[in-house]
């Protein structure tokens, strides 16, 4: 099982990102077409080895020794990263028709100088668990790459792009689900207060006087909302209550 969770999104310089990467490391250089420039997808060696083992039918156990990658392992990583990058298209579709493509894989951060060291980048950190291996995957996106679409990255634009009209069929489904939703209905016969001493002395047959008089309408609540008034009775040999009035203030949920 592979579990991925977004941990943080930070702003820093490309030099700070490059210097923080371990060597060796898996660094995929991704062409972010049709945007100009590239981004970097980085993962630690232990996560990469775990993914390779899973692809080859293993359990994804930890690889204790630190070493470089063989040509076969790099070929497998090329396929793995290619599939990961393909999933970037859907989240970006409301902003731009993205067509990312893996250009190459480097294992030494010194060979990934895709921009000036002092340029600003956005660093997305993902906590990743592959089998019993935990690791951090980083996505480095230079500001220059996404600068043309920054106005489209606002929350207002994002939600306006995903709104759509609800069809009549969807409305019927919603109505049907609402109509079949169960609501708790409670009838309050009355309220009384007794001392702890009297409560401890209660026996079978004792009578507690309520604050409701005979013939007075009872409160009927829907959930925690007092909505109706009613009178108790019997229907088909079952205890029942007949609604006699509607509490207009019952529409106020703060009642």
C-alpha atoms as a PDB file:
ATOM      1  CA  UNK A   1       0.000   0.000   0.000  1.00  0.00           C
ATOM      2  CA  UNK A   2       1.207   3.517  -0.852  1.00  0.00           C
ATOM      3  CA  UNK A   3      -0.027   6.385   1.336  1.00  0.00           C
ATOM      4  CA  UNK A   4       0.668  10.024   0.453  1.00  0.00           C
ATOM      5  CA  UNK A   5      -0.224  13.132   2.479  1.00  0.00           C
ATOM      6  CA  UNK A   6       0.590  16.792   1.847  1.00  0.00           C
ATOM      7  CA  UNK A   7       2.706  18.111   4.733  1.00  0.00           C
ATOM      8  CA  UNK A   8       3.600  21.658   3.713  1.00  0.00           C
ATOM      9  CA  UNK A   9       3.976  24.190   0.919  1.00  0.00           C
ATOM     10  CA  UNK A  10       6.950  26.522   1.418  1.00  0.00           C
ATOM     11  CA  UNK A  11       8.679  29.342  -0.431  1.00  0.00           C
ATOM     12  CA  UNK A  12      12.473  29.363  -0.608  1.00  0.00           C
ATOM     13  CA  UNK A  13      15.335  29.859  -3.017  1.00  0.00           C
ATOM     14  CA  UNK A  14      16.442  27.185  -5.448  1.00  0.00           C
ATOM     15  CA  UNK A  15      19.858  27.126  -3.770  1.00  0.00           C
ATOM     16  CA  UNK A  16      18.268  26.289  -0.402  1.00  0.00           C
ATOM     17  CA  UNK A  17      16.298  23.469  -1.995  1.00  0.00           C
ATOM     18  CA  UNK A  18      19.324  22.062  -3.833  1.00  0.00           C
ATOM     19  CA  UNK A  19      21.578  22.143  -0.747  1.00  0.00           C
ATOM     20  CA  UNK A  20      18.974  20.336   1.371  1.00  0.00           C
ATOM     21  CA  UNK A  21      18.798  17.321  -0.951  1.00  0.00           C
ATOM     22  CA  UNK A  22      20.768  14.188   0.017  1.00  0.00           C
ATOM     23  CA  UNK A  23      23.319  12.612  -2.309  1.00  0.00           C
ATOM     24  CA  UNK A  24      22.465  10.162  -3.774  1.00  0.00           C
ATOM     25  CA  UNK A  25      18.856  11.102  -4.376  1.00  0.00           C
ATOM     26  CA  UNK A  26      16.264  10.537  -7.082  1.00  0.00           C
ATOM     27  CA  UNK A  27      15.617  13.798  -8.913  1.00  0.00           C
ATOM     28  CA  UNK A  28      13.254  13.740 -11.860  1.00  0.00           C
ATOM     29  CA  UNK A  29      13.511  16.759 -14.190  1.00  0.00           C
ATOM     30  CA  UNK A  30      10.001  17.344 -15.537  1.00  0.00           C
ATOM     31  CA  UNK A  31       9.128  19.437 -18.585  1.00  0.00           C
ATOM     32  CA  UNK A  32       6.044  21.422 -17.509  1.00  0.00           C
ATOM     33  CA  UNK A  33       4.731  22.026 -21.033  1.00  0.00           C
ATOM     34  CA  UNK A  34       2.997  24.181 -22.203  1.00  0.00           C
ATOM     35  CA  UNK A  35       4.537  26.333 -19.444  1.00  0.00           C
ATOM     36  CA  UNK A  36       8.137  27.340 -20.060  1.00  0.00           C
ATOM     37  CA  UNK A  37      10.744  25.630 -17.922  1.00  0.00           C
ATOM     38  CA  UNK A  38      10.974  22.544 -15.759  1.00  0.00           C
ATOM     39  CA  UNK A  39      10.121  21.402 -12.252  1.00  0.00           C
ATOM     40  CA  UNK A  40      11.864  18.813 -10.070  1.00  0.00           C
ATOM     41  CA  UNK A  41      10.296  15.809  -8.383  1.00  0.00           C
ATOM     42  CA  UNK A  42      12.625  14.444  -5.676  1.00  0.00           C
ATOM     43  CA  UNK A  43      12.395  11.325  -3.527  1.00  0.00           C
ATOM     44  CA  UNK A  44      14.871   9.768  -1.059  1.00  0.00           C
ATOM     45  CA  UNK A  45      16.697   6.556  -2.017  1.00  0.00           C
ATOM     46  CA  UNK A  46      14.877   4.392   0.564  1.00  0.00           C
ATOM     47  CA  UNK A  47      11.488   5.345  -0.894  1.00  0.00           C
ATOM     48  CA  UNK A  48      12.760   4.734  -4.423  1.00  0.00           C
ATOM     49  CA  UNK A  49      14.145   1.289  -3.522  1.00  0.00           C
ATOM     50  CA  UNK A  50      10.871   0.407  -1.786  1.00  0.00           C
ATOM     51  CA  UNK A  51       8.888   1.341  -4.907  1.00  0.00           C
ATOM     52  CA  UNK A  52      11.226  -0.688  -7.119  1.00  0.00           C
ATOM     53  CA  UNK A  53      10.833  -3.707  -4.844  1.00  0.00           C
ATOM     54  CA  UNK A  54       7.042  -3.360  -4.923  1.00  0.00           C
ATOM     55  CA  UNK A  55       7.076  -3.168  -8.729  1.00  0.00           C
ATOM     56  CA  UNK A  56       9.131  -6.351  -8.835  1.00  0.00           C
ATOM     57  CA  UNK A  57       6.686  -8.181  -6.557  1.00  0.00           C
ATOM     58  CA  UNK A  58       8.404  -7.647  -3.216  1.00  0.00           C
ATOM     59  CA  UNK A  59       6.933  -6.360   0.051  1.00  0.00           C
ATOM     60  CA  UNK A  60       8.700  -2.991  -0.037  1.00  0.00           C
ATOM     61  CA  UNK A  61      10.983  -3.607   2.943  1.00  0.00           C
ATOM     62  CA  UNK A  62      13.721  -1.211   3.941  1.00  0.00           C
ATOM     63  CA  UNK A  63      17.043  -1.305   2.071  1.00  0.00           C
ATOM     64  CA  UNK A  64      19.636  -0.798   4.773  1.00  0.00           C
ATOM     65  CA  UNK A  65      22.731   0.039   2.719  1.00  0.00           C
ATOM     66  CA  UNK A  66      23.160   3.347   0.915  1.00  0.00           C
ATOM     67  CA  UNK A  67      24.337   2.911  -2.676  1.00  0.00           C
ATOM     68  CA  UNK A  68      23.783   4.226  -6.167  1.00  0.00           C
ATOM     69  CA  UNK A  69      21.215   2.935  -8.633  1.00  0.00           C
ATOM     70  CA  UNK A  70      21.887   0.391 -11.369  1.00  0.00           C
ATOM     71  CA  UNK A  71      20.825   0.999 -14.961  1.00  0.00           C
ATOM     72  CA  UNK A  72      17.934  -1.452 -14.564  1.00  0.00           C
ATOM     73  CA  UNK A  73      16.750   0.344 -11.413  1.00  0.00           C
ATOM     74  CA  UNK A  74      16.949   3.722 -13.149  1.00  0.00           C
ATOM     75  CA  UNK A  75      14.881   2.333 -16.026  1.00  0.00           C
ATOM     76  CA  UNK A  76      12.219   1.166 -13.573  1.00  0.00           C
ATOM     77  CA  UNK A  77      12.297   4.543 -11.810  1.00  0.00           C
ATOM     78  CA  UNK A  78      11.780   6.230 -15.169  1.00  0.00           C
ATOM     79  CA  UNK A  79       8.528   4.265 -15.589  1.00  0.00           C
ATOM     80  CA  UNK A  80       7.441   4.907 -11.978  1.00  0.00           C
ATOM     81  CA  UNK A  81       8.074   8.663 -12.124  1.00  0.00           C
ATOM     82  CA  UNK A  82       6.407   8.836 -15.516  1.00  0.00           C
ATOM     83  CA  UNK A  83       3.205   7.417 -14.052  1.00  0.00           C
ATOM     84  CA  UNK A  84       3.392   9.754 -11.037  1.00  0.00           C
ATOM     85  CA  UNK A  85       3.843  12.784 -13.276  1.00  0.00           C
ATOM     86  CA  UNK A  86       0.872  11.777 -15.447  1.00  0.00           C
ATOM     87  CA  UNK A  87      -1.379  12.238 -12.399  1.00  0.00           C
ATOM     88  CA  UNK A  88      -0.457  15.938 -12.292  1.00  0.00           C
ATOM     89  CA  UNK A  89      -2.681  16.679 -15.287  1.00  0.00           C
ATOM     90  CA  UNK A  90      -6.014  16.303 -13.511  1.00  0.00           C
ATOM     91  CA  UNK A  91      -5.373  18.703 -10.557  1.00  0.00           C
ATOM     92  CA  UNK A  92      -4.184  21.391 -12.994  1.00  0.00           C
ATOM     93  CA  UNK A  93      -6.932  21.024 -15.583  1.00  0.00           C
ATOM     94  CA  UNK A  94      -8.940  24.016 -14.288  1.00  0.00           C
ATOM     95  CA  UNK A  95      -5.850  26.211 -14.648  1.00  0.00           C
ATOM     96  CA  UNK A  96      -4.094  24.932 -17.772  1.00  0.00           C
ATOM     97  CA  UNK A  97      -4.068  21.904 -20.045  1.00  0.00           C
ATOM     98  CA  UNK A  98      -0.841  20.578 -18.608  1.00  0.00           C
ATOM     99  CA  UNK A  99       1.235  18.022 -20.499  1.00  0.00           C
ATOM    100  CA  UNK A 100       4.134  17.191 -18.163  1.00  0.00           C
ATOM    101  CA  UNK A 101       6.884  14.901 -19.408  1.00  0.00           C
ATOM    102  CA  UNK A 102       9.861  13.381 -17.619  1.00  0.00           C
ATOM    103  CA  UNK A 103      13.028  14.615 -19.333  1.00  0.00           C
ATOM    104  CA  UNK A 104      15.652  12.752 -17.298  1.00  0.00           C
ATOM    105  CA  UNK A 105      16.570  11.417 -13.883  1.00  0.00           C
ATOM    106  CA  UNK A 106      19.585  12.612 -11.913  1.00  0.00           C
ATOM    107  CA  UNK A 107      20.975  11.160  -8.681  1.00  0.00           C
ATOM    108  CA  UNK A 108      23.290  14.053  -7.791  1.00  0.00           C
ATOM    109  CA  UNK A 109      21.656  17.384  -6.819  1.00  0.00           C
ATOM    110  CA  UNK A 110      24.624  19.281  -8.297  1.00  0.00           C
ATOM    111  CA  UNK A 111      23.489  18.198 -11.786  1.00  0.00           C
ATOM    112  CA  UNK A 112      19.989  19.690 -11.454  1.00  0.00           C
ATOM    113  CA  UNK A 113      20.816  23.373 -11.869  1.00  0.00           C
ATOM    114  CA  UNK A 114      17.738  24.208 -13.935  1.00  0.00           C
ATOM    115  CA  UNK A 115      17.723  27.866 -12.857  1.00  0.00           C
ATOM    116  CA  UNK A 116      19.644  30.572 -11.012  1.00  0.00           C
ATOM    117  CA  UNK A 117      20.438  29.649  -7.372  1.00  0.00           C
ATOM    118  CA  UNK A 118      18.706  32.779  -6.027  1.00  0.00           C
ATOM    119  CA  UNK A 119      15.443  32.273  -7.896  1.00  0.00           C
ATOM    120  CA  UNK A 120      12.307  31.714  -5.809  1.00  0.00           C
ATOM    121  CA  UNK A 121      10.639  28.308  -5.858  1.00  0.00           C
ATOM    122  CA  UNK A 122       7.560  26.723  -4.276  1.00  0.00           C
ATOM    123  CA  UNK A 123       8.403  23.509  -2.440  1.00  0.00           C
ATOM    124  CA  UNK A 124       5.584  21.013  -1.861  1.00  0.00           C
ATOM    125  CA  UNK A 125       6.431  18.323   0.695  1.00  0.00           C
ATOM    126  CA  UNK A 126       4.550  15.016   0.657  1.00  0.00           C
ATOM    127  CA  UNK A 127       4.788  12.456   3.431  1.00  0.00           C
ATOM    128  CA  UNK A 128       4.951   9.073   1.671  1.00  0.00           C
ATOM    129  CA  UNK A 129       4.648   5.578   3.090  1.00  0.00           C
ATOM    130  CA  UNK A 130       5.448   2.575   0.894  1.00  0.00           C
ATOM    131  CA  UNK A 131       4.979  -0.652   2.821  1.00  0.00           C
ATOM    132  CA  UNK A 132       6.885  -0.028   6.044  1.00  0.00           C
ATOM    133  CA  UNK A 133       9.087   2.712   4.574  1.00  0.00           C
ATOM    134  CA  UNK A 134       8.412   6.378   5.402  1.00  0.00           C
ATOM    135  CA  UNK A 135       9.934   9.155   3.346  1.00  0.00           C
ATOM    136  CA  UNK A 136       9.395  12.665   2.022  1.00  0.00           C
ATOM    137  CA  UNK A 137       8.758  13.401  -1.645  1.00  0.00           C
ATOM    138  CA  UNK A 138       9.405  16.996  -2.698  1.00  0.00           C
ATOM    139  CA  UNK A 139       8.032  18.839  -5.709  1.00  0.00           C
ATOM    140  CA  UNK A 140      10.039  21.953  -6.575  1.00  0.00           C
ATOM    141  CA  UNK A 141       8.163  24.411  -8.800  1.00  0.00           C
ATOM    142  CA  UNK A 142      10.097  27.551  -9.866  1.00  0.00           C
ATOM    143  CA  UNK A 143       8.199  30.820  -9.708  1.00  0.00           C
ATOM    144  CA  UNK A 144       9.210  31.630 -13.279  1.00  0.00           C
ATOM    145  CA  UNK A 145       7.470  28.478 -14.507  1.00  0.00           C
ATOM    146  CA  UNK A 146       4.046  29.201 -13.005  1.00  0.00           C
ATOM    147  CA  UNK A 147       4.218  33.004 -13.250  1.00  0.00           C
ATOM    148  CA  UNK A 148       1.979  33.129 -16.385  1.00  0.00           C
ATOM    149  CA  UNK A 149      -0.857  31.285 -14.587  1.00  0.00           C
ATOM    150  CA  UNK A 150      -0.538  32.765 -11.074  1.00  0.00           C
ATOM    151  CA  UNK A 151      -3.761  34.860 -11.490  1.00  0.00           C
ATOM    152  CA  UNK A 152      -5.616  31.581 -12.101  1.00  0.00           C
ATOM    153  CA  UNK A 153      -4.377  30.008  -8.870  1.00  0.00           C
ATOM    154  CA  UNK A 154      -6.662  32.057  -6.598  1.00  0.00           C
ATOM    155  CA  UNK A 155      -9.335  30.286  -4.562  1.00  0.00           C
ATOM    156  CA  UNK A 156     -12.094  32.288  -6.252  1.00  0.00           C
ATOM    157  CA  UNK A 157     -10.992  31.220  -9.736  1.00  0.00           C
ATOM    158  CA  UNK A 158     -10.535  27.598  -8.643  1.00  0.00           C
ATOM    159  CA  UNK A 159     -14.041  27.186  -7.248  1.00  0.00           C
ATOM    160  CA  UNK A 160     -15.668  29.132 -10.081  1.00  0.00           C
ATOM    161  CA  UNK A 161     -14.114  26.673 -12.494  1.00  0.00           C
ATOM    162  CA  UNK A 162     -15.580  23.601 -10.835  1.00  0.00           C
ATOM    163  CA  UNK A 163     -19.143  24.853 -10.340  1.00  0.00           C
ATOM    164  CA  UNK A 164     -21.836  23.455 -12.586  1.00  0.00           C
ATOM    165  CA  UNK A 165     -25.597  23.410 -12.895  1.00  0.00           C
ATOM    166  CA  UNK A 166     -27.445  20.588 -11.181  1.00  0.00           C
ATOM    167  CA  UNK A 167     -29.516  18.508 -13.584  1.00  0.00           C
ATOM    168  CA  UNK A 168     -33.153  17.586 -12.927  1.00  0.00           C
ATOM    169  CA  UNK A 169     -32.132  13.972 -12.446  1.00  0.00           C
ATOM    170  CA  UNK A 170     -29.602  14.980  -9.756  1.00  0.00           C
ATOM    171  CA  UNK A 171     -32.287  17.075  -8.044  1.00  0.00           C
ATOM    172  CA  UNK A 172     -34.622  14.068  -7.933  1.00  0.00           C
ATOM    173  CA  UNK A 173     -31.884  11.944  -6.402  1.00  0.00           C
ATOM    174  CA  UNK A 174     -31.235  14.601  -3.736  1.00  0.00           C
ATOM    175  CA  UNK A 175     -34.964  14.920  -2.990  1.00  0.00           C
ATOM    176  CA  UNK A 176     -35.326  11.149  -2.700  1.00  0.00           C
ATOM    177  CA  UNK A 177     -32.406  10.916  -0.290  1.00  0.00           C
ATOM    178  CA  UNK A 178     -33.802  13.784   1.805  1.00  0.00           C
ATOM    179  CA  UNK A 179     -37.264  12.196   1.916  1.00  0.00           C
ATOM    180  CA  UNK A 180     -35.839   8.881   3.168  1.00  0.00           C
ATOM    181  CA  UNK A 181     -33.539  10.466   5.765  1.00  0.00           C
ATOM    182  CA  UNK A 182     -34.405   9.401   9.319  1.00  0.00           C
ATOM    183  CA  UNK A 183     -34.903  12.120  11.952  1.00  0.00           C
ATOM    184  CA  UNK A 184     -35.131  11.554  15.730  1.00  0.00           C
ATOM    185  CA  UNK A 185     -38.545  12.623  17.095  1.00  0.00           C
ATOM    186  CA  UNK A 186     -38.951  13.092  20.850  1.00  0.00           C
ATOM    187  CA  UNK A 187     -42.069  13.928  22.878  1.00  0.00           C
ATOM    188  CA  UNK A 188     -41.477  15.577  26.241  1.00  0.00           C
ATOM    189  CA  UNK A 189     -44.114  14.562  28.784  1.00  0.00           C
ATOM    190  CA  UNK A 190     -42.848  17.018  31.347  1.00  0.00           C
ATOM    191  CA  UNK A 191     -39.962  18.048  33.571  1.00  0.00           C
ATOM    192  CA  UNK A 192     -39.398  17.725  37.276  1.00  0.00           C
ATOM    193  CA  UNK A 193     -36.563  18.403  39.702  1.00  0.00           C
ATOM    194  CA  UNK A 194     -35.723  16.226  42.685  1.00  0.00           C
ATOM    195  CA  UNK A 195     -32.913  16.326  45.182  1.00  0.00           C
ATOM    196  CA  UNK A 196     -30.169  13.713  45.171  1.00  0.00           C
ATOM    197  CA  UNK A 197     -31.486  12.459  48.492  1.00  0.00           C
ATOM    198  CA  UNK A 198     -35.014  11.969  47.137  1.00  0.00           C
ATOM    199  CA  UNK A 199     -33.640  10.351  43.993  1.00  0.00           C
ATOM    200  CA  UNK A 200     -31.690   7.796  46.030  1.00  0.00           C
ATOM    201  CA  UNK A 201     -34.825   6.967  48.025  1.00  0.00           C
ATOM    202  CA  UNK A 202     -37.071   6.323  45.000  1.00  0.00           C
ATOM    203  CA  UNK A 203     -38.889   2.969  45.063  1.00  0.00           C
ATOM    204  CA  UNK A 204     -41.185   1.085  42.693  1.00  0.00           C
ATOM    205  CA  UNK A 205     -44.615   2.704  42.807  1.00  0.00           C
ATOM    206  CA  UNK A 206     -43.407   6.198  43.812  1.00  0.00           C
ATOM    207  CA  UNK A 207     -44.964   9.086  41.864  1.00  0.00           C
ATOM    208  CA  UNK A 208     -42.988  12.064  40.489  1.00  0.00           C
ATOM    209  CA  UNK A 209     -45.043  15.163  39.727  1.00  0.00           C
ATOM    210  CA  UNK A 210     -44.249  16.775  36.372  1.00  0.00           C
ATOM    211  CA  UNK A 211     -44.602  20.465  35.467  1.00  0.00           C
ATOM    212  CA  UNK A 212     -47.156  19.623  32.736  1.00  0.00           C
ATOM    213  CA  UNK A 213     -50.841  19.827  33.603  1.00  0.00           C
ATOM    214  CA  UNK A 214     -53.468  17.312  32.439  1.00  0.00           C
ATOM    215  CA  UNK A 215     -54.700  18.213  28.946  1.00  0.00           C
ATOM    216  CA  UNK A 216     -51.787  20.519  28.224  1.00  0.00           C
ATOM    217  CA  UNK A 217     -50.065  20.142  24.856  1.00  0.00           C
ATOM    218  CA  UNK A 218     -46.724  18.342  24.925  1.00  0.00           C
ATOM    219  CA  UNK A 219     -43.538  19.535  23.276  1.00  0.00           C
ATOM    220  CA  UNK A 220     -42.446  17.567  20.192  1.00  0.00           C
ATOM    221  CA  UNK A 221     -38.831  18.032  19.141  1.00  0.00           C
ATOM    222  CA  UNK A 222     -37.144  17.083  15.876  1.00  0.00           C
ATOM    223  CA  UNK A 223     -33.531  16.451  16.777  1.00  0.00           C
ATOM    224  CA  UNK A 224     -32.845  19.287  19.232  1.00  0.00           C
ATOM    225  CA  UNK A 225     -35.351  21.652  17.624  1.00  0.00           C
ATOM    226  CA  UNK A 226     -38.765  22.215  19.268  1.00  0.00           C
ATOM    227  CA  UNK A 227     -41.024  22.084  16.216  1.00  0.00           C
ATOM    228  CA  UNK A 228     -44.548  20.883  17.182  1.00  0.00           C
ATOM    229  CA  UNK A 229     -47.093  20.585  19.987  1.00  0.00           C
ATOM    230  CA  UNK A 230     -49.226  17.484  20.463  1.00  0.00           C
ATOM    231  CA  UNK A 231     -51.488  15.404  22.733  1.00  0.00           C
ATOM    232  CA  UNK A 232     -50.775  11.848  23.863  1.00  0.00           C
ATOM    233  CA  UNK A 233     -53.082   8.976  22.943  1.00  0.00           C
ATOM    234  CA  UNK A 234     -53.329   5.420  21.648  1.00  0.00           C
ATOM    235  CA  UNK A 235     -53.548   4.242  18.055  1.00  0.00           C
ATOM    236  CA  UNK A 236     -53.917   0.553  17.182  1.00  0.00           C
ATOM    237  CA  UNK A 237     -52.912  -0.418  20.707  1.00  0.00           C
ATOM    238  CA  UNK A 238     -49.721   1.604  20.501  1.00  0.00           C
ATOM    239  CA  UNK A 239     -48.773   4.750  22.399  1.00  0.00           C
ATOM    240  CA  UNK A 240     -48.969   7.723  20.043  1.00  0.00           C
ATOM    241  CA  UNK A 241     -49.046  11.504  19.956  1.00  0.00           C
ATOM    242  CA  UNK A 242     -51.280  13.677  17.791  1.00  0.00           C
ATOM    243  CA  UNK A 243     -49.841  16.936  16.427  1.00  0.00           C
ATOM    244  CA  UNK A 244     -52.107  19.825  17.436  1.00  0.00           C
ATOM    245  CA  UNK A 245     -50.025  22.864  16.563  1.00  0.00           C
ATOM    246  CA  UNK A 246     -46.810  24.025  14.923  1.00  0.00           C
ATOM    247  CA  UNK A 247     -44.205  25.969  16.861  1.00  0.00           C
ATOM    248  CA  UNK A 248     -43.336  28.798  14.463  1.00  0.00           C
ATOM    249  CA  UNK A 249     -40.187  29.522  16.444  1.00  0.00           C
ATOM    250  CA  UNK A 250     -39.142  25.932  15.816  1.00  0.00           C
ATOM    251  CA  UNK A 251     -37.565  27.071  12.536  1.00  0.00           C
ATOM    252  CA  UNK A 252     -34.919  28.828  14.608  1.00  0.00           C
ATOM    253  CA  UNK A 253     -32.239  26.240  15.343  1.00  0.00           C
ATOM    254  CA  UNK A 254     -31.050  28.310  18.294  1.00  0.00           C
ATOM    255  CA  UNK A 255     -34.458  27.863  20.007  1.00  0.00           C
END
